[in-house]
Amino acid sequence: MTDLNRRNFIALSASVSAGVSALVAGVGSTNSMAASSSGMFVCMHGATSNGFNFRTAMEGWARAGITAAEPDLPIARTFEQANGAGSARRLMDDLGIRAVSSTNQIFLEESGPQRAQALEDLRWKVELAESLGADRLVAPSIASETHTADDYDEVYENLYEAAEIARPHNVALMVEFTRFSKLISTVRTSLNVVRAVDHPNLKFMLDVYHFWAAQSKFEDLDLINPGEIHHVHFEDTPAEPPLEVSTNANRAFPGEGVAPLQRIIDKLTEKGYSRALSLELFDPVVQNTDPYEIATKGIQTITPYISWI
């Protein structure tokens, strides 16, 4: 099935109004079959519903049929401060949701005045991630200063130090290249950095938006070794606005943009990836829409890409 046919399928499905509960039940069963054949499954990223508190988001996602989440750690921490240590994990367990990742910690790779606080924040975040049952945590690169090739030795040292903080908690830090970074913005650089650091608690991950909207080429995915992808953020790159002026808020639901998502999924399968596709959206309208509705649409728009594998 081509991307165009998939988008037509998604548009048609979205127009069907014969009972929301029937739709969710149908999608849920399709998603279960998809997971059993491809290994990939739908996951909700905390940012996608960050207009809501931890309980509201989790309960809405669970009602839609979500069983995997990437919790926003500050929001989970706020919940635990009000409800007691371990309460976030208990809520997720009660709802049948497991934490397959957690998010996030910035300023770990770039030396500067923010890094000392970033390391302190990392200490409580890896502890909370472990408490939630998450064995991985996203570490995006958003380096904004001008750099030279000589700075990468320091990047390696910085990330090694961060990985050592995560090690006792059995949490892997995942370097996320971003299109905005002046240090790690491509597949190639991210792979090179992770391999150079060579730490068991530092891994490579892929955000499909940052992959397709930045300087990476599709062929760069062939540089990835089987089993090297530790996590995936899955969303689409819109045709408008132009990339030169677009922001994270312009990310689209899968099938609503121009990224060759099925080709990417097929390549992920070839590389042995069989885990979460985490829906990470920053549109304020999405973030403040009922988490149940957003999770339902997330299942509906991601499932077609994995159910034919």
C-alpha atoms as a PDB file:
ATOM      1  CA  MET A   1       0.000   0.000   0.000  1.00  0.00           C
ATOM      2  CA  THR A   2       1.436   3.382  -0.992  1.00  0.00           C
ATOM      3  CA  ASP A   3       1.673   6.425   1.272  1.00  0.00           C
ATOM      4  CA  LEU A   4      -1.026   8.076  -0.860  1.00  0.00           C
ATOM      5  CA  ASN A   5      -3.383   5.137  -0.404  1.00  0.00           C
ATOM      6  CA  ARG A   6      -2.635   5.126   3.298  1.00  0.00           C
ATOM      7  CA  ARG A   7      -3.473   8.812   3.561  1.00  0.00           C
ATOM      8  CA  ASN A   8      -6.727   8.141   1.692  1.00  0.00           C
ATOM      9  CA  PHE A   9      -7.457   5.298   4.109  1.00  0.00           C
ATOM     10  CA  ILE A  10      -6.791   7.571   7.070  1.00  0.00           C
ATOM     11  CA  ALA A  11      -8.944  10.380   5.663  1.00  0.00           C
ATOM     12  CA  LEU A  12     -11.798   7.959   4.986  1.00  0.00           C
ATOM     13  CA  SER A  13     -11.540   6.456   8.452  1.00  0.00           C
ATOM     14  CA  ALA A  14     -11.559   9.902  10.027  1.00  0.00           C
ATOM     15  CA  SER A  15     -14.832  10.727   8.267  1.00  0.00           C
ATOM     16  CA  VAL A  16     -16.665   7.708   9.642  1.00  0.00           C
ATOM     17  CA  SER A  17     -18.888   8.784  12.529  1.00  0.00           C
ATOM     18  CA  ALA A  18     -20.657   5.503  13.297  1.00  0.00           C
ATOM     19  CA  GLY A  19     -19.926   5.374  16.982  1.00  0.00           C
ATOM     20  CA  VAL A  20     -16.693   6.415  18.659  1.00  0.00           C
ATOM     21  CA  SER A  21     -16.646   3.351  20.868  1.00  0.00           C
ATOM     22  CA  ALA A  22     -16.919   1.023  17.862  1.00  0.00           C
ATOM     23  CA  LEU A  23     -14.117   2.901  16.131  1.00  0.00           C
ATOM     24  CA  VAL A  24     -11.813   2.618  19.111  1.00  0.00           C
ATOM     25  CA  ALA A  25     -12.580  -1.068  19.536  1.00  0.00           C
ATOM     26  CA  GLY A  26     -11.875  -1.715  15.850  1.00  0.00           C
ATOM     27  CA  VAL A  27      -8.655   0.238  15.844  1.00  0.00           C
ATOM     28  CA  GLY A  28      -7.543  -1.387  19.071  1.00  0.00           C
ATOM     29  CA  SER A  29      -7.922  -4.871  17.614  1.00  0.00           C
ATOM     30  CA  THR A  30      -6.108  -3.829  14.426  1.00  0.00           C
ATOM     31  CA  ASN A  31      -3.284  -2.365  16.475  1.00  0.00           C
ATOM     32  CA  SER A  32      -2.960  -5.583  18.458  1.00  0.00           C
ATOM     33  CA  MET A  33      -2.634  -7.575  15.241  1.00  0.00           C
ATOM     34  CA  ALA A  34      -0.090  -5.070  13.951  1.00  0.00           C
ATOM     35  CA  ALA A  35       2.006  -5.426  17.058  1.00  0.00           C
ATOM     36  CA  SER A  36       1.937  -9.212  16.825  1.00  0.00           C
ATOM     37  CA  SER A  37       3.211  -9.208  13.229  1.00  0.00           C
ATOM     38  CA  SER A  38       5.639  -6.274  13.094  1.00  0.00           C
ATOM     39  CA  GLY A  39       6.558  -5.882  16.755  1.00  0.00           C
ATOM     40  CA  MET A  40       5.970  -2.125  16.517  1.00  0.00           C
ATOM     41  CA  PHE A  41       3.200  -0.568  18.571  1.00  0.00           C
ATOM     42  CA  VAL A  42       1.595   2.799  19.218  1.00  0.00           C
ATOM     43  CA  CYS A  43       2.932   4.866  22.111  1.00  0.00           C
ATOM     44  CA  MET A  44       1.895   8.273  23.421  1.00  0.00           C
ATOM     45  CA  HIS A  45       4.547  10.873  24.222  1.00  0.00           C
ATOM     46  CA  GLY A  46       3.918  13.066  27.249  1.00  0.00           C
ATOM     47  CA  ALA A  47       4.367  16.277  25.236  1.00  0.00           C
ATOM     48  CA  THR A  48       1.367  15.421  23.061  1.00  0.00           C
ATOM     49  CA  SER A  49      -1.048  15.915  25.975  1.00  0.00           C
ATOM     50  CA  ASN A  50       0.950  18.249  28.194  1.00  0.00           C
ATOM     51  CA  GLY A  51      -1.975  20.622  28.545  1.00  0.00           C
ATOM     52  CA  PHE A  52      -3.328  18.110  31.076  1.00  0.00           C
ATOM     53  CA  ASN A  53      -2.148  16.702  34.374  1.00  0.00           C
ATOM     54  CA  PHE A  54      -0.643  13.234  34.649  1.00  0.00           C
ATOM     55  CA  ARG A  55      -3.828  11.437  35.734  1.00  0.00           C
ATOM     56  CA  THR A  56      -6.060  13.027  33.099  1.00  0.00           C
ATOM     57  CA  ALA A  57      -3.628  12.244  30.295  1.00  0.00           C
ATOM     58  CA  MET A  58      -3.056   8.663  31.353  1.00  0.00           C
ATOM     59  CA  GLU A  59      -6.726   7.929  31.923  1.00  0.00           C
ATOM     60  CA  GLY A  60      -7.653   9.423  28.546  1.00  0.00           C
ATOM     61  CA  TRP A  61      -4.977   7.456  26.737  1.00  0.00           C
ATOM     62  CA  ALA A  62      -5.957   4.236  28.470  1.00  0.00           C
ATOM     63  CA  ARG A  63      -9.611   4.728  27.572  1.00  0.00           C
ATOM     64  CA  ALA A  64      -8.590   5.009  23.912  1.00  0.00           C
ATOM     65  CA  GLY A  65      -6.715   1.715  24.099  1.00  0.00           C
ATOM     66  CA  ILE A  66      -3.141   2.920  24.633  1.00  0.00           C
ATOM     67  CA  THR A  67      -0.936   0.475  26.555  1.00  0.00           C
ATOM     68  CA  ALA A  68       2.484   2.168  26.127  1.00  0.00           C
ATOM     69  CA  ALA A  69       3.561   5.674  27.098  1.00  0.00           C
ATOM     70  CA  GLU A  70       6.590   7.934  27.212  1.00  0.00           C
ATOM     71  CA  PRO A  71       5.829   9.949  30.362  1.00  0.00           C
ATOM     72  CA  ASP A  72       6.868  13.550  30.792  1.00  0.00           C
ATOM     73  CA  LEU A  73       8.989  13.292  33.933  1.00  0.00           C
ATOM     74  CA  PRO A  74       8.327  16.780  35.393  1.00  0.00           C
ATOM     75  CA  ILE A  75       4.571  16.180  35.069  1.00  0.00           C
ATOM     76  CA  ALA A  76       4.924  12.737  36.664  1.00  0.00           C
ATOM     77  CA  ARG A  77       6.990  14.294  39.452  1.00  0.00           C
ATOM     78  CA  THR A  78       4.278  16.882  40.148  1.00  0.00           C
ATOM     79  CA  PHE A  79       1.748  14.042  40.415  1.00  0.00           C
ATOM     80  CA  GLU A  80       3.953  12.167  42.876  1.00  0.00           C
ATOM     81  CA  GLN A  81       4.539  15.260  44.979  1.00  0.00           C
ATOM     82  CA  ALA A  82       0.771  15.468  45.452  1.00  0.00           C
ATOM     83  CA  ASN A  83       0.040  11.758  45.751  1.00  0.00           C
ATOM     84  CA  GLY A  84       3.154  10.170  47.216  1.00  0.00           C
ATOM     85  CA  ALA A  85       6.220   8.343  45.979  1.00  0.00           C
ATOM     86  CA  GLY A  86       5.380   5.536  43.573  1.00  0.00           C
ATOM     87  CA  SER A  87       1.886   6.843  42.854  1.00  0.00           C
ATOM     88  CA  ALA A  88       2.593   7.514  39.176  1.00  0.00           C
ATOM     89  CA  ARG A  89       3.706   3.939  38.581  1.00  0.00           C
ATOM     90  CA  ARG A  90       0.704   2.589  40.484  1.00  0.00           C
ATOM     91  CA  LEU A  91      -1.665   4.656  38.365  1.00  0.00           C
ATOM     92  CA  MET A  92      -0.069   3.430  35.159  1.00  0.00           C
ATOM     93  CA  ASP A  93      -0.172  -0.160  36.371  1.00  0.00           C
ATOM     94  CA  ASP A  94      -3.838   0.175  37.296  1.00  0.00           C
ATOM     95  CA  LEU A  95      -4.589   1.526  33.807  1.00  0.00           C
ATOM     96  CA  GLY A  96      -2.587  -1.152  32.008  1.00  0.00           C
ATOM     97  CA  ILE A  97      -0.017   1.306  30.636  1.00  0.00           C
ATOM     98  CA  ARG A  98       3.712   0.637  30.746  1.00  0.00           C
ATOM     99  CA  ALA A  99       6.463   3.231  30.450  1.00  0.00           C
ATOM    100  CA  VAL A 100       8.527   2.246  27.412  1.00  0.00           C
ATOM    101  CA  SER A 101      10.613   5.435  27.533  1.00  0.00           C
ATOM    102  CA  SER A 102      10.673   8.788  29.343  1.00  0.00           C
ATOM    103  CA  THR A 103      11.370  12.368  28.441  1.00  0.00           C
ATOM    104  CA  ASN A 104      13.687  14.257  28.596  1.00  0.00           C
ATOM    105  CA  GLN A 105      16.920  16.038  29.537  1.00  0.00           C
ATOM    106  CA  ILE A 106      18.553  18.757  27.465  1.00  0.00           C
ATOM    107  CA  PHE A 107      21.953  20.494  27.766  1.00  0.00           C
ATOM    108  CA  LEU A 108      23.850  17.280  28.427  1.00  0.00           C
ATOM    109  CA  GLU A 109      26.135  17.325  25.387  1.00  0.00           C
ATOM    110  CA  GLU A 110      27.052  21.016  25.144  1.00  0.00           C
ATOM    111  CA  SER A 111      29.358  22.617  27.690  1.00  0.00           C
ATOM    112  CA  GLY A 112      28.019  25.848  29.105  1.00  0.00           C
ATOM    113  CA  PRO A 113      26.310  27.475  32.075  1.00  0.00           C
ATOM    114  CA  GLN A 114      23.179  25.310  31.761  1.00  0.00           C
ATOM    115  CA  ARG A 115      24.982  21.982  31.990  1.00  0.00           C
ATOM    116  CA  ALA A 116      25.578  21.859  35.759  1.00  0.00           C
ATOM    117  CA  GLN A 117      21.854  22.216  36.437  1.00  0.00           C
ATOM    118  CA  ALA A 118      21.085  19.741  33.659  1.00  0.00           C
ATOM    119  CA  LEU A 119      23.209  17.111  35.420  1.00  0.00           C
ATOM    120  CA  GLU A 120      21.428  17.771  38.710  1.00  0.00           C
ATOM    121  CA  ASP A 121      18.054  17.433  37.001  1.00  0.00           C
ATOM    122  CA  LEU A 122      19.226  14.262  35.322  1.00  0.00           C
ATOM    123  CA  ARG A 123      19.863  12.643  38.717  1.00  0.00           C
ATOM    124  CA  TRP A 124      16.245  12.847  39.841  1.00  0.00           C
ATOM    125  CA  LYS A 125      14.921  12.100  36.360  1.00  0.00           C
ATOM    126  CA  VAL A 126      16.742   8.780  35.969  1.00  0.00           C
ATOM    127  CA  GLU A 127      15.609   7.831  39.466  1.00  0.00           C
ATOM    128  CA  LEU A 128      12.002   8.635  38.596  1.00  0.00           C
ATOM    129  CA  ALA A 129      12.286   6.908  35.210  1.00  0.00           C
ATOM    130  CA  GLU A 130      13.455   3.768  36.998  1.00  0.00           C
ATOM    131  CA  SER A 131      10.538   4.052  39.433  1.00  0.00           C
ATOM    132  CA  LEU A 132       8.117   4.293  36.508  1.00  0.00           C
ATOM    133  CA  GLY A 133       9.612   1.201  34.929  1.00  0.00           C
ATOM    134  CA  ALA A 134      11.226   3.073  32.042  1.00  0.00           C
ATOM    135  CA  ASP A 135      14.668   1.851  31.027  1.00  0.00           C
ATOM    136  CA  ARG A 136      15.396   4.725  28.646  1.00  0.00           C
ATOM    137  CA  LEU A 137      15.349   8.531  28.661  1.00  0.00           C
ATOM    138  CA  VAL A 138      15.567  10.939  25.732  1.00  0.00           C
ATOM    139  CA  ALA A 139      18.493  13.386  25.611  1.00  0.00           C
ATOM    140  CA  PRO A 140      17.836  15.864  22.784  1.00  0.00           C
ATOM    141  CA  SER A 141      20.622  18.011  21.383  1.00  0.00           C
ATOM    142  CA  ILE A 142      19.512  21.635  21.124  1.00  0.00           C
ATOM    143  CA  ALA A 143      23.008  23.173  21.072  1.00  0.00           C
ATOM    144  CA  SER A 144      22.718  26.770  19.935  1.00  0.00           C
ATOM    145  CA  GLU A 145      26.278  28.093  20.159  1.00  0.00           C
ATOM    146  CA  THR A 146      28.745  28.096  17.260  1.00  0.00           C
ATOM    147  CA  HIS A 147      31.048  25.066  17.388  1.00  0.00           C
ATOM    148  CA  THR A 148      34.085  23.601  15.654  1.00  0.00           C
ATOM    149  CA  ALA A 149      35.214  20.030  15.058  1.00  0.00           C
ATOM    150  CA  ASP A 150      37.514  20.284  18.074  1.00  0.00           C
ATOM    151  CA  ASP A 151      34.489  20.597  20.370  1.00  0.00           C
ATOM    152  CA  TYR A 152      33.381  17.002  19.815  1.00  0.00           C
ATOM    153  CA  ASP A 153      35.945  15.550  22.194  1.00  0.00           C
ATOM    154  CA  GLU A 154      34.200  17.545  24.892  1.00  0.00           C
ATOM    155  CA  VAL A 155      30.812  16.319  23.663  1.00  0.00           C
ATOM    156  CA  TYR A 156      32.005  12.723  24.080  1.00  0.00           C
ATOM    157  CA  GLU A 157      33.238  13.413  27.609  1.00  0.00           C
ATOM    158  CA  ASN A 158      30.032  15.206  28.573  1.00  0.00           C
ATOM    159  CA  LEU A 159      27.792  12.414  27.346  1.00  0.00           C
ATOM    160  CA  TYR A 160      29.937   9.751  28.971  1.00  0.00           C
ATOM    161  CA  GLU A 161      29.576  11.559  32.304  1.00  0.00           C
ATOM    162  CA  ALA A 162      25.802  11.755  31.838  1.00  0.00           C
ATOM    163  CA  ALA A 163      25.608   8.059  30.936  1.00  0.00           C
ATOM    164  CA  GLU A 164      27.506   7.215  34.115  1.00  0.00           C
ATOM    165  CA  ILE A 165      24.816   9.022  36.125  1.00  0.00           C
ATOM    166  CA  ALA A 166      22.152   6.909  34.404  1.00  0.00           C
ATOM    167  CA  ARG A 167      24.019   3.601  34.738  1.00  0.00           C
ATOM    168  CA  PRO A 168      23.101   2.724  38.381  1.00  0.00           C
ATOM    169  CA  HIS A 169      19.417   3.130  37.502  1.00  0.00           C
ATOM    170  CA  ASN A 170      19.631   0.870  34.441  1.00  0.00           C
ATOM    171  CA  VAL A 171      18.419   3.732  32.265  1.00  0.00           C
ATOM    172  CA  ALA A 172      19.848   4.292  28.793  1.00  0.00           C
ATOM    173  CA  LEU A 173      20.194   7.902  27.660  1.00  0.00           C
ATOM    174  CA  MET A 174      19.218   8.226  24.020  1.00  0.00           C
ATOM    175  CA  VAL A 175      20.886  10.932  21.966  1.00  0.00           C
ATOM    176  CA  GLU A 176      18.186  12.651  19.917  1.00  0.00           C
ATOM    177  CA  PHE A 177      19.501  14.607  16.969  1.00  0.00           C
ATOM    178  CA  THR A 178      17.336  17.646  16.226  1.00  0.00           C
ATOM    179  CA  ARG A 179      17.148  19.862  13.175  1.00  0.00           C
ATOM    180  CA  PHE A 180      17.850  22.914  15.345  1.00  0.00           C
ATOM    181  CA  SER A 181      21.094  21.679  16.932  1.00  0.00           C
ATOM    182  CA  LYS A 182      24.528  23.019  16.022  1.00  0.00           C
ATOM    183  CA  LEU A 183      26.217  19.886  17.356  1.00  0.00           C
ATOM    184  CA  ILE A 184      24.036  16.830  16.647  1.00  0.00           C
ATOM    185  CA  SER A 185      21.445  17.413  13.928  1.00  0.00           C
ATOM    186  CA  THR A 186      21.759  14.392  11.611  1.00  0.00           C
ATOM    187  CA  VAL A 187      21.653  10.614  11.618  1.00  0.00           C
ATOM    188  CA  ARG A 188      25.341  10.460  10.708  1.00  0.00           C
ATOM    189  CA  THR A 189      26.544  12.731  13.485  1.00  0.00           C
ATOM    190  CA  SER A 190      24.341  11.093  16.097  1.00  0.00           C
ATOM    191  CA  LEU A 191      25.585   7.624  15.165  1.00  0.00           C
ATOM    192  CA  ASN A 192      29.186   8.815  15.217  1.00  0.00           C
ATOM    193  CA  VAL A 193      28.776  10.413  18.640  1.00  0.00           C
ATOM    194  CA  VAL A 194      27.101   7.383  20.237  1.00  0.00           C
ATOM    195  CA  ARG A 195      29.684   5.035  18.767  1.00  0.00           C
ATOM    196  CA  ALA A 196      32.592   7.252  19.828  1.00  0.00           C
ATOM    197  CA  VAL A 197      31.349   7.471  23.429  1.00  0.00           C
ATOM    198  CA  ASP A 198      30.871   3.695  23.448  1.00  0.00           C
ATOM    199  CA  HIS A 199      28.988   3.551  26.736  1.00  0.00           C
ATOM    200  CA  PRO A 200      26.369   0.835  27.455  1.00  0.00           C
ATOM    201  CA  ASN A 201      23.973   3.498  28.766  1.00  0.00           C
ATOM    202  CA  LEU A 202      24.171   5.767  25.719  1.00  0.00           C
ATOM    203  CA  LYS A 203      22.078   4.828  22.699  1.00  0.00           C
ATOM    204  CA  PHE A 204      20.921   6.038  19.290  1.00  0.00           C
ATOM    205  CA  MET A 205      17.303   6.968  18.595  1.00  0.00           C
ATOM    206  CA  LEU A 206      15.349   8.388  15.681  1.00  0.00           C
ATOM    207  CA  ASP A 207      12.779  11.179  15.566  1.00  0.00           C
ATOM    208  CA  VAL A 208      11.097  10.950  12.174  1.00  0.00           C
ATOM    209  CA  TYR A 209      10.317  14.686  12.043  1.00  0.00           C
ATOM    210  CA  HIS A 210      13.911  15.701  12.751  1.00  0.00           C
ATOM    211  CA  PHE A 211      15.081  13.072  10.277  1.00  0.00           C
ATOM    212  CA  TRP A 212      12.962  14.209   7.329  1.00  0.00           C
ATOM    213  CA  ALA A 213      12.890  17.952   8.066  1.00  0.00           C
ATOM    214  CA  ALA A 214      16.647  18.403   8.431  1.00  0.00           C
ATOM    215  CA  GLN A 215      19.857  17.561   6.571  1.00  0.00           C
ATOM    216  CA  SER A 216      19.799  13.781   6.822  1.00  0.00           C
ATOM    217  CA  LYS A 217      19.284  11.755   3.655  1.00  0.00           C
ATOM    218  CA  PHE A 218      17.148   8.649   3.383  1.00  0.00           C
ATOM    219  CA  GLU A 219      20.264   6.653   2.505  1.00  0.00           C
ATOM    220  CA  ASP A 220      21.723   7.583   5.904  1.00  0.00           C
ATOM    221  CA  LEU A 221      19.406   4.994   7.438  1.00  0.00           C
ATOM    222  CA  ASP A 222      21.580   2.352   5.796  1.00  0.00           C
ATOM    223  CA  LEU A 223      24.414   3.456   8.091  1.00  0.00           C
ATOM    224  CA  ILE A 224      22.487   2.125  11.096  1.00  0.00           C
ATOM    225  CA  ASN A 225      23.481  -1.325  12.278  1.00  0.00           C
ATOM    226  CA  PRO A 226      20.727  -3.878  12.979  1.00  0.00           C
ATOM    227  CA  GLY A 227      19.532  -3.464  16.542  1.00  0.00           C
ATOM    228  CA  GLU A 228      21.110  -0.010  16.916  1.00  0.00           C
ATOM    229  CA  ILE A 229      17.838   1.959  17.008  1.00  0.00           C
ATOM    230  CA  HIS A 230      16.719   2.190  20.623  1.00  0.00           C
ATOM    231  CA  HIS A 231      13.539   4.271  20.285  1.00  0.00           C
ATOM    232  CA  VAL A 232      11.464   6.132  17.668  1.00  0.00           C
ATOM    233  CA  HIS A 233       9.380   9.295  17.764  1.00  0.00           C
ATOM    234  CA  PHE A 234       6.826   8.982  14.970  1.00  0.00           C
ATOM    235  CA  GLU A 235       5.092  11.945  13.367  1.00  0.00           C
ATOM    236  CA  ASP A 236       4.847  13.598   9.929  1.00  0.00           C
ATOM    237  CA  THR A 237       6.513  16.610   8.308  1.00  0.00           C
ATOM    238  CA  PRO A 238       3.910  19.037   6.931  1.00  0.00           C
ATOM    239  CA  ALA A 239       4.113  20.498   3.427  1.00  0.00           C
ATOM    240  CA  GLU A 240       3.458  23.948   4.878  1.00  0.00           C
ATOM    241  CA  PRO A 241       4.840  26.154   6.262  1.00  0.00           C
ATOM    242  CA  PRO A 242       8.239  25.974   4.525  1.00  0.00           C
ATOM    243  CA  LEU A 243      10.839  24.168   6.611  1.00  0.00           C
ATOM    244  CA  GLU A 244      12.894  27.327   6.872  1.00  0.00           C
ATOM    245  CA  VAL A 245      10.240  28.914   9.074  1.00  0.00           C
ATOM    246  CA  SER A 246       8.545  25.867  10.584  1.00  0.00           C
ATOM    247  CA  THR A 247       8.841  24.932  14.239  1.00  0.00           C
ATOM    248  CA  ASN A 248       8.147  21.888  16.400  1.00  0.00           C
ATOM    249  CA  ALA A 249       4.559  23.099  16.686  1.00  0.00           C
ATOM    250  CA  ASN A 250       4.077  22.370  12.979  1.00  0.00           C
ATOM    251  CA  ARG A 251       4.557  18.620  13.304  1.00  0.00           C
ATOM    252  CA  ALA A 252       1.648  16.643  11.867  1.00  0.00           C
ATOM    253  CA  PHE A 253      -0.142  13.412  12.607  1.00  0.00           C
ATOM    254  CA  PRO A 254       1.188  10.506  10.502  1.00  0.00           C
ATOM    255  CA  GLY A 255      -0.288  10.628   7.006  1.00  0.00           C
ATOM    256  CA  GLU A 256      -0.997  14.369   7.137  1.00  0.00           C
ATOM    257  CA  GLY A 257       2.395  15.457   5.785  1.00  0.00           C
ATOM    258  CA  VAL A 258       4.957  14.652   3.125  1.00  0.00           C
ATOM    259  CA  ALA A 259       7.452  12.306   4.815  1.00  0.00           C
ATOM    260  CA  PRO A 260       7.746   8.835   3.177  1.00  0.00           C
ATOM    261  CA  LEU A 261       6.592   7.148   6.338  1.00  0.00           C
ATOM    262  CA  GLN A 262       6.047   3.671   4.922  1.00  0.00           C
ATOM    263  CA  ARG A 263       9.537   3.610   3.411  1.00  0.00           C
ATOM    264  CA  ILE A 264      10.895   4.671   6.781  1.00  0.00           C
ATOM    265  CA  ILE A 265       8.904   1.991   8.616  1.00  0.00           C
ATOM    266  CA  ASP A 266      10.105  -0.638   6.143  1.00  0.00           C
ATOM    267  CA  LYS A 267      13.696   0.456   6.763  1.00  0.00           C
ATOM    268  CA  LEU A 268      13.165   0.315  10.535  1.00  0.00           C
ATOM    269  CA  THR A 269      11.929  -3.244  10.124  1.00  0.00           C
ATOM    270  CA  GLU A 270      14.984  -4.084   8.032  1.00  0.00           C
ATOM    271  CA  LYS A 271      17.174  -2.720  10.832  1.00  0.00           C
ATOM    272  CA  GLY A 272      15.453  -4.938  13.386  1.00  0.00           C
ATOM    273  CA  TYR A 273      13.407  -2.279  15.164  1.00  0.00           C
ATOM    274  CA  SER A 274      10.318  -3.769  16.807  1.00  0.00           C
ATOM    275  CA  ARG A 275       9.290  -1.399  19.579  1.00  0.00           C
ATOM    276  CA  ALA A 276       7.343   1.793  20.194  1.00  0.00           C
ATOM    277  CA  LEU A 277       6.322   4.426  17.689  1.00  0.00           C
ATOM    278  CA  SER A 278       5.860   7.351  20.069  1.00  0.00           C
ATOM    279  CA  LEU A 279       3.543  10.130  18.889  1.00  0.00           C
ATOM    280  CA  GLU A 280       5.215  13.427  19.833  1.00  0.00           C
ATOM    281  CA  LEU A 281       3.281  16.556  18.818  1.00  0.00           C
ATOM    282  CA  PHE A 282       3.704  20.148  19.987  1.00  0.00           C
ATOM    283  CA  ASP A 283       0.717  21.879  18.392  1.00  0.00           C
ATOM    284  CA  PRO A 284      -0.954  23.757  21.296  1.00  0.00           C
ATOM    285  CA  VAL A 285      -4.376  22.831  19.932  1.00  0.00           C
ATOM    286  CA  VAL A 286      -3.447  19.134  20.048  1.00  0.00           C
ATOM    287  CA  GLN A 287      -1.821  19.446  23.453  1.00  0.00           C
ATOM    288  CA  ASN A 288      -5.006  20.941  24.899  1.00  0.00           C
ATOM    289  CA  THR A 289      -7.473  18.592  23.211  1.00  0.00           C
ATOM    290  CA  ASP A 290      -8.998  15.721  25.228  1.00  0.00           C
ATOM    291  CA  PRO A 291      -6.227  13.092  25.547  1.00  0.00           C
ATOM    292  CA  TYR A 292      -8.760  10.383  24.691  1.00  0.00           C
ATOM    293  CA  GLU A 293      -9.481  12.026  21.325  1.00  0.00           C
ATOM    294  CA  ILE A 294      -5.805  12.566  20.528  1.00  0.00           C
ATOM    295  CA  ALA A 295      -4.831   9.025  21.501  1.00  0.00           C
ATOM    296  CA  THR A 296      -7.696   7.637  19.401  1.00  0.00           C
ATOM    297  CA  LYS A 297      -6.442   9.596  16.408  1.00  0.00           C
ATOM    298  CA  GLY A 298      -2.893   8.512  17.181  1.00  0.00           C
ATOM    299  CA  ILE A 299      -3.890   4.841  17.020  1.00  0.00           C
ATOM    300  CA  GLN A 300      -5.927   5.482  13.885  1.00  0.00           C
ATOM    301  CA  THR A 301      -3.125   7.246  12.023  1.00  0.00           C
ATOM    302  CA  ILE A 302      -0.157   5.100  13.065  1.00  0.00           C
ATOM    303  CA  THR A 303      -1.740   1.641  12.774  1.00  0.00           C
ATOM    304  CA  PRO A 304      -1.947   1.597   8.915  1.00  0.00           C
ATOM    305  CA  TYR A 305       1.828   1.872   8.675  1.00  0.00           C
ATOM    306  CA  ILE A 306       2.520  -1.212  10.762  1.00  0.00           C
ATOM    307  CA  SER A 307      -0.443  -3.516  10.190  1.00  0.00           C
ATOM    308  CA  TRP A 308       0.663  -4.694   6.724  1.00  0.00           C
ATOM    309  CA  ILE A 309       4.180  -5.703   7.750  1.00  0.00           C
END
